[in-house]
Structures are given as C-alpha cells and as structure tokens.
Amino acid sequence: MNEAQITVIGWVADTPQFLITANGTPYLSMRLACTPRRFDRTTGQWADVETMFLTVNCWRGLAENINSSEFARGHPVIVTGRLRIRQYERDGQWRYCAEIEATTLGHDLTRGTADFRTASRSSSLTESDRREAQELSDLFALTGDQPTEEPTEPAKAA
C-alpha cells in the first residue's frame, strides 16, 4: 500500500462535528491542534513552535464511537490514519488543507485516564458519503475558525 500513514499527538481544537450522510453512513470531523516543542540551546529552555491545525475525518464505527465518547475541546489525543493534502481555490488563490482520514483515535493516556466500552461495527463507505464529508471538512478551512492559542487541559472533576 503506497499511502502516507501518519500518527499525530495533539489536542482537540474544536467541538467534533458528527452527522449521518444521506446514505446513512456515520461521519465525524474534528480539528486537531499540535504544538511541537523544541529545545533552545542558547537559552537552555524548551519553547513552543507555531501550532499546526489538521482536520481529522472519521467514518462509520470510529465516528460513532468518538461521538458516543467524551471527546471535547482541549482533550489530549493520539490520531493515526492516512494523510491527505487537498488543494482548493478561495478568493482567486490556491490554498492547501492537511487532513487525516483516521483509522484510530484515542485519548493520550500519558495525560489522563479513560474508561473503555466495546461497540459494534457498521457498513461500508460510498463516494457520495466522501463528497458530503469533504463539504463539511471545507467548512473548517473556509471559515478560518481556528483557535489562536493551544487549548488548555480541562479541569479535573472534584
């Protein structure tokens, strides 16, 4: 298989958007923020590098499971999937959007705990489903609604 597989560790940047396509396929799209850190030898300190935002697309059982789970803005996550770079035109200029078609997604358990419950699987994906998902994905890119800073870790319940 000649596909770019990628694993990204980051934070949920915005509320995940769940829908059922016209063909009945569950789909979920979310924004992922990733802020790399680099060691600055001149200062002897760690420093944040510019935050990168990616769109994560999830289908079928994965979409349903994420929707049924407690994923919210600021939660630390690990995402693995196929990397896609899409090109689109806006205001007469060509732009690019990085997306991950997720095969797995979960909370980063180095930063907290989780409870696990098993779930069942659903049916296959159609081309119509993909087009509908691309339109939803484009909403993120077209609105430019990206957080200006990295989300903070949610407060723990008392």
C-alpha atoms as a PDB file:
ATOM      1  CA  MET A   1       0.000   0.000   0.000  1.00  0.00           C
ATOM      2  CA  ASN A   2       1.509   3.343  -1.074  1.00  0.00           C
ATOM      3  CA  GLU A   3      -0.299   5.707   1.261  1.00  0.00           C
ATOM      4  CA  ALA A   4       1.203   8.177   3.693  1.00  0.00           C
ATOM      5  CA  GLN A   5       0.391   6.861   7.174  1.00  0.00           C
ATOM      6  CA  ILE A   6       0.783   9.384   9.981  1.00  0.00           C
ATOM      7  CA  THR A   7       0.448   9.476  13.757  1.00  0.00           C
ATOM      8  CA  VAL A   8      -0.115  12.841  15.420  1.00  0.00           C
ATOM      9  CA  ILE A   9      -0.262  13.640  19.123  1.00  0.00           C
ATOM     10  CA  GLY A  10      -2.157  16.824  19.935  1.00  0.00           C
ATOM     11  CA  TRP A  11      -5.275  18.398  21.388  1.00  0.00           C
ATOM     12  CA  VAL A  12      -8.902  18.533  20.234  1.00  0.00           C
ATOM     13  CA  ALA A  13      -9.083  22.120  18.924  1.00  0.00           C
ATOM     14  CA  ASP A  14     -12.853  22.424  18.493  1.00  0.00           C
ATOM     15  CA  THR A  15     -16.053  20.509  19.201  1.00  0.00           C
ATOM     16  CA  PRO A  16     -16.219  17.375  16.984  1.00  0.00           C
ATOM     17  CA  GLN A  17     -18.948  17.602  14.299  1.00  0.00           C
ATOM     18  CA  PHE A  18     -20.990  14.394  13.843  1.00  0.00           C
ATOM     19  CA  LEU A  19     -23.509  13.665  11.104  1.00  0.00           C
ATOM     20  CA  ILE A  20     -25.136  10.805   9.256  1.00  0.00           C
ATOM     21  CA  THR A  21     -24.639  11.142   5.483  1.00  0.00           C
ATOM     22  CA  ALA A  22     -27.543  10.901   3.034  1.00  0.00           C
ATOM     23  CA  ASN A  23     -26.593   7.230   2.525  1.00  0.00           C
ATOM     24  CA  GLY A  24     -26.786   6.568   6.259  1.00  0.00           C
ATOM     25  CA  THR A  25     -23.039   6.413   6.922  1.00  0.00           C
ATOM     26  CA  PRO A  26     -21.851   7.924  10.228  1.00  0.00           C
ATOM     27  CA  TYR A  27     -19.191  10.643   9.780  1.00  0.00           C
ATOM     28  CA  LEU A  28     -17.334  12.798  12.288  1.00  0.00           C
ATOM     29  CA  SER A  29     -14.940  15.645  11.608  1.00  0.00           C
ATOM     30  CA  MET A  30     -12.770  17.396  14.165  1.00  0.00           C
ATOM     31  CA  ARG A  31      -9.857  19.848  14.310  1.00  0.00           C
ATOM     32  CA  LEU A  32      -6.614  18.728  15.875  1.00  0.00           C
ATOM     33  CA  ALA A  33      -4.036  21.198  17.207  1.00  0.00           C
ATOM     34  CA  CYS A  34      -0.416  20.126  17.502  1.00  0.00           C
ATOM     35  CA  THR A  35       2.186  22.411  19.063  1.00  0.00           C
ATOM     36  CA  PRO A  36       5.701  20.996  18.772  1.00  0.00           C
ATOM     37  CA  ARG A  37       8.312  21.936  21.377  1.00  0.00           C
ATOM     38  CA  ARG A  38      11.984  22.459  20.647  1.00  0.00           C
ATOM     39  CA  PHE A  39      14.930  22.852  22.994  1.00  0.00           C
ATOM     40  CA  ASP A  40      16.660  26.231  22.560  1.00  0.00           C
ATOM     41  CA  ARG A  41      20.351  25.660  23.346  1.00  0.00           C
ATOM     42  CA  THR A  42      21.053  29.373  23.692  1.00  0.00           C
ATOM     43  CA  THR A  43      18.517  29.849  26.496  1.00  0.00           C
ATOM     44  CA  GLY A  44      18.616  26.305  27.855  1.00  0.00           C
ATOM     45  CA  GLN A  45      14.771  26.249  27.791  1.00  0.00           C
ATOM     46  CA  TRP A  46      12.046  24.436  25.908  1.00  0.00           C
ATOM     47  CA  ALA A  47       9.985  26.653  23.584  1.00  0.00           C
ATOM     48  CA  ASP A  48       6.724  26.096  21.695  1.00  0.00           C
ATOM     49  CA  VAL A  49       6.829  26.229  17.896  1.00  0.00           C
ATOM     50  CA  GLU A  50       3.881  27.520  15.827  1.00  0.00           C
ATOM     51  CA  THR A  51       0.725  25.421  16.286  1.00  0.00           C
ATOM     52  CA  MET A  52      -0.333  23.269  13.331  1.00  0.00           C
ATOM     53  CA  PHE A  53      -4.040  22.562  12.771  1.00  0.00           C
ATOM     54  CA  LEU A  54      -5.274  19.461  10.951  1.00  0.00           C
ATOM     55  CA  THR A  55      -8.747  18.249  10.047  1.00  0.00           C
ATOM     56  CA  VAL A  56      -9.422  14.677  11.175  1.00  0.00           C
ATOM     57  CA  ASN A  57     -12.139  12.752   9.313  1.00  0.00           C
ATOM     58  CA  CYS A  58     -13.630   9.629  10.919  1.00  0.00           C
ATOM     59  CA  TRP A  59     -16.081   7.166   9.374  1.00  0.00           C
ATOM     60  CA  ARG A  60     -18.564   4.505  10.409  1.00  0.00           C
ATOM     61  CA  GLY A  61     -17.856   2.781  13.732  1.00  0.00           C
ATOM     62  CA  LEU A  62     -14.966   5.090  14.617  1.00  0.00           C
ATOM     63  CA  ALA A  63     -17.206   8.139  14.079  1.00  0.00           C
ATOM     64  CA  GLU A  64     -19.972   6.627  16.190  1.00  0.00           C
ATOM     65  CA  ASN A  65     -17.571   5.640  18.963  1.00  0.00           C
ATOM     66  CA  ILE A  66     -15.989   9.090  19.132  1.00  0.00           C
ATOM     67  CA  ASN A  67     -19.434  10.704  19.136  1.00  0.00           C
ATOM     68  CA  SER A  68     -20.509   8.420  21.999  1.00  0.00           C
ATOM     69  CA  SER A  69     -17.329   9.127  23.952  1.00  0.00           C
ATOM     70  CA  GLU A  70     -16.300  12.153  25.919  1.00  0.00           C
ATOM     71  CA  PHE A  71     -14.100  13.996  23.407  1.00  0.00           C
ATOM     72  CA  ALA A  72     -14.147  17.761  23.874  1.00  0.00           C
ATOM     73  CA  ARG A  73     -12.049  20.818  23.117  1.00  0.00           C
ATOM     74  CA  GLY A  74      -8.768  20.633  24.980  1.00  0.00           C
ATOM     75  CA  HIS A  75      -8.622  16.855  25.377  1.00  0.00           C
ATOM     76  CA  PRO A  76      -5.219  15.314  24.557  1.00  0.00           C
ATOM     77  CA  VAL A  77      -5.486  12.749  21.734  1.00  0.00           C
ATOM     78  CA  ILE A  78      -3.430  10.458  19.517  1.00  0.00           C
ATOM     79  CA  VAL A  79      -4.595  10.035  15.897  1.00  0.00           C
ATOM     80  CA  THR A  80      -3.338   7.546  13.311  1.00  0.00           C
ATOM     81  CA  GLY A  81      -4.501   7.470   9.704  1.00  0.00           C
ATOM     82  CA  ARG A  82      -3.906   8.362   6.068  1.00  0.00           C
ATOM     83  CA  LEU A  83      -2.509  11.830   5.366  1.00  0.00           C
ATOM     84  CA  ARG A  84      -4.252  13.806   2.625  1.00  0.00           C
ATOM     85  CA  ILE A  85      -3.238  17.218   1.293  1.00  0.00           C
ATOM     86  CA  ARG A  86      -6.146  18.831  -0.562  1.00  0.00           C
ATOM     87  CA  GLN A  87      -5.924  21.869  -2.797  1.00  0.00           C
ATOM     88  CA  TYR A  88      -8.829  24.300  -3.188  1.00  0.00           C
ATOM     89  CA  GLU A  89      -9.416  27.795  -4.541  1.00  0.00           C
ATOM     90  CA  ARG A  90     -10.591  30.696  -2.360  1.00  0.00           C
ATOM     91  CA  ASP A  91     -10.671  34.368  -3.303  1.00  0.00           C
ATOM     92  CA  GLY A  92      -8.796  33.586  -6.516  1.00  0.00           C
ATOM     93  CA  GLN A  93      -5.894  31.950  -4.676  1.00  0.00           C
ATOM     94  CA  TRP A  94      -4.964  28.284  -4.384  1.00  0.00           C
ATOM     95  CA  ARG A  95      -4.802  27.030  -0.820  1.00  0.00           C
ATOM     96  CA  TYR A  96      -3.913  23.749   0.800  1.00  0.00           C
ATOM     97  CA  CYS A  97      -5.546  21.785   3.604  1.00  0.00           C
ATOM     98  CA  ALA A  98      -3.950  18.902   5.510  1.00  0.00           C
ATOM     99  CA  GLU A  99      -6.356  16.166   6.577  1.00  0.00           C
ATOM    100  CA  ILE A 100      -6.086  12.820   8.289  1.00  0.00           C
ATOM    101  CA  GLU A 101      -8.544  10.062   7.427  1.00  0.00           C
ATOM    102  CA  ALA A 102      -8.357   8.411  10.834  1.00  0.00           C
ATOM    103  CA  THR A 103      -8.034   4.677  11.305  1.00  0.00           C
ATOM    104  CA  THR A 104      -7.617   5.037  15.088  1.00  0.00           C
ATOM    105  CA  LEU A 105      -8.156   7.870  17.539  1.00  0.00           C
ATOM    106  CA  GLY A 106      -7.996   7.878  21.287  1.00  0.00           C
ATOM    107  CA  HIS A 107      -7.190   9.867  24.381  1.00  0.00           C
ATOM    108  CA  ASP A 108      -3.492  10.300  25.179  1.00  0.00           C
ATOM    109  CA  LEU A 109      -3.288   8.273  28.374  1.00  0.00           C
ATOM    110  CA  THR A 110       0.052   9.819  29.358  1.00  0.00           C
ATOM    111  CA  ARG A 111      -2.043  12.850  30.322  1.00  0.00           C
ATOM    112  CA  GLY A 112      -5.062  11.239  31.982  1.00  0.00           C
ATOM    113  CA  THR A 113      -7.241   8.142  32.309  1.00  0.00           C
ATOM    114  CA  ALA A 114     -10.112   6.668  30.294  1.00  0.00           C
ATOM    115  CA  ASP A 115     -12.859   4.043  30.599  1.00  0.00           C
ATOM    116  CA  PHE A 116     -13.310   1.565  27.737  1.00  0.00           C
ATOM    117  CA  ARG A 117     -16.581   0.061  26.459  1.00  0.00           C
ATOM    118  CA  THR A 118     -16.819  -2.267  23.406  1.00  0.00           C
ATOM    119  CA  ALA A 119     -19.012  -1.279  20.444  1.00  0.00           C
ATOM    120  CA  SER A 120     -20.337  -2.921  17.228  1.00  0.00           C
ATOM    121  CA  ARG A 121     -19.372  -2.222  13.579  1.00  0.00           C
ATOM    122  CA  SER A 122     -21.421  -0.724  10.689  1.00  0.00           C
ATOM    123  CA  SER A 123     -21.484  -0.753   6.828  1.00  0.00           C
ATOM    124  CA  SER A 124     -19.130   0.458   4.040  1.00  0.00           C
ATOM    125  CA  LEU A 125     -18.467   3.953   2.653  1.00  0.00           C
ATOM    126  CA  THR A 126     -19.786   5.341  -0.693  1.00  0.00           C
ATOM    127  CA  GLU A 127     -18.453   8.081  -2.992  1.00  0.00           C
ATOM    128  CA  SER A 128     -21.483  10.220  -2.107  1.00  0.00           C
ATOM    129  CA  ASP A 129     -20.515   9.914   1.558  1.00  0.00           C
ATOM    130  CA  ARG A 130     -16.992  11.116   0.748  1.00  0.00           C
ATOM    131  CA  ARG A 131     -18.290  14.178  -1.168  1.00  0.00           C
ATOM    132  CA  GLU A 132     -20.622  15.113   1.692  1.00  0.00           C
ATOM    133  CA  ALA A 133     -17.767  14.772   4.181  1.00  0.00           C
ATOM    134  CA  GLN A 134     -15.468  16.912   2.023  1.00  0.00           C
ATOM    135  CA  GLU A 135     -18.067  19.686   2.052  1.00  0.00           C
ATOM    136  CA  LEU A 136     -18.212  19.565   5.866  1.00  0.00           C
ATOM    137  CA  SER A 137     -14.410  19.493   6.036  1.00  0.00           C
ATOM    138  CA  ASP A 138     -14.270  22.579   3.823  1.00  0.00           C
ATOM    139  CA  LEU A 139     -16.348  24.481   6.371  1.00  0.00           C
ATOM    140  CA  PHE A 140     -13.343  24.393   8.719  1.00  0.00           C
ATOM    141  CA  ALA A 141     -11.000  25.647   6.008  1.00  0.00           C
ATOM    142  CA  LEU A 142     -13.339  28.325   4.638  1.00  0.00           C
ATOM    143  CA  THR A 143     -14.413  29.860   7.926  1.00  0.00           C
ATOM    144  CA  GLY A 144     -10.879  30.087   9.241  1.00  0.00           C
ATOM    145  CA  ASP A 145     -12.244  29.409  12.751  1.00  0.00           C
ATOM    146  CA  GLN A 146      -9.038  28.219  14.348  1.00  0.00           C
ATOM    147  CA  PRO A 147      -8.190  28.848  17.958  1.00  0.00           C
ATOM    148  CA  THR A 148      -5.449  31.445  18.379  1.00  0.00           C
ATOM    149  CA  GLU A 149      -3.766  29.540  21.182  1.00  0.00           C
ATOM    150  CA  GLU A 150      -3.376  25.940  22.276  1.00  0.00           C
ATOM    151  CA  PRO A 151      -6.354  24.654  24.264  1.00  0.00           C
ATOM    152  CA  THR A 152      -5.758  24.200  27.948  1.00  0.00           C
ATOM    153  CA  GLU A 153      -6.151  20.877  29.684  1.00  0.00           C
ATOM    154  CA  PRO A 154      -9.691  20.558  31.124  1.00  0.00           C
ATOM    155  CA  ALA A 155     -10.100  20.871  34.876  1.00  0.00           C
ATOM    156  CA  LYS A 156     -10.490  17.605  36.771  1.00  0.00           C
ATOM    157  CA  ALA A 157     -13.791  16.889  38.461  1.00  0.00           C
ATOM    158  CA  ALA A 158     -13.768  17.091  42.247  1.00  0.00           C
END
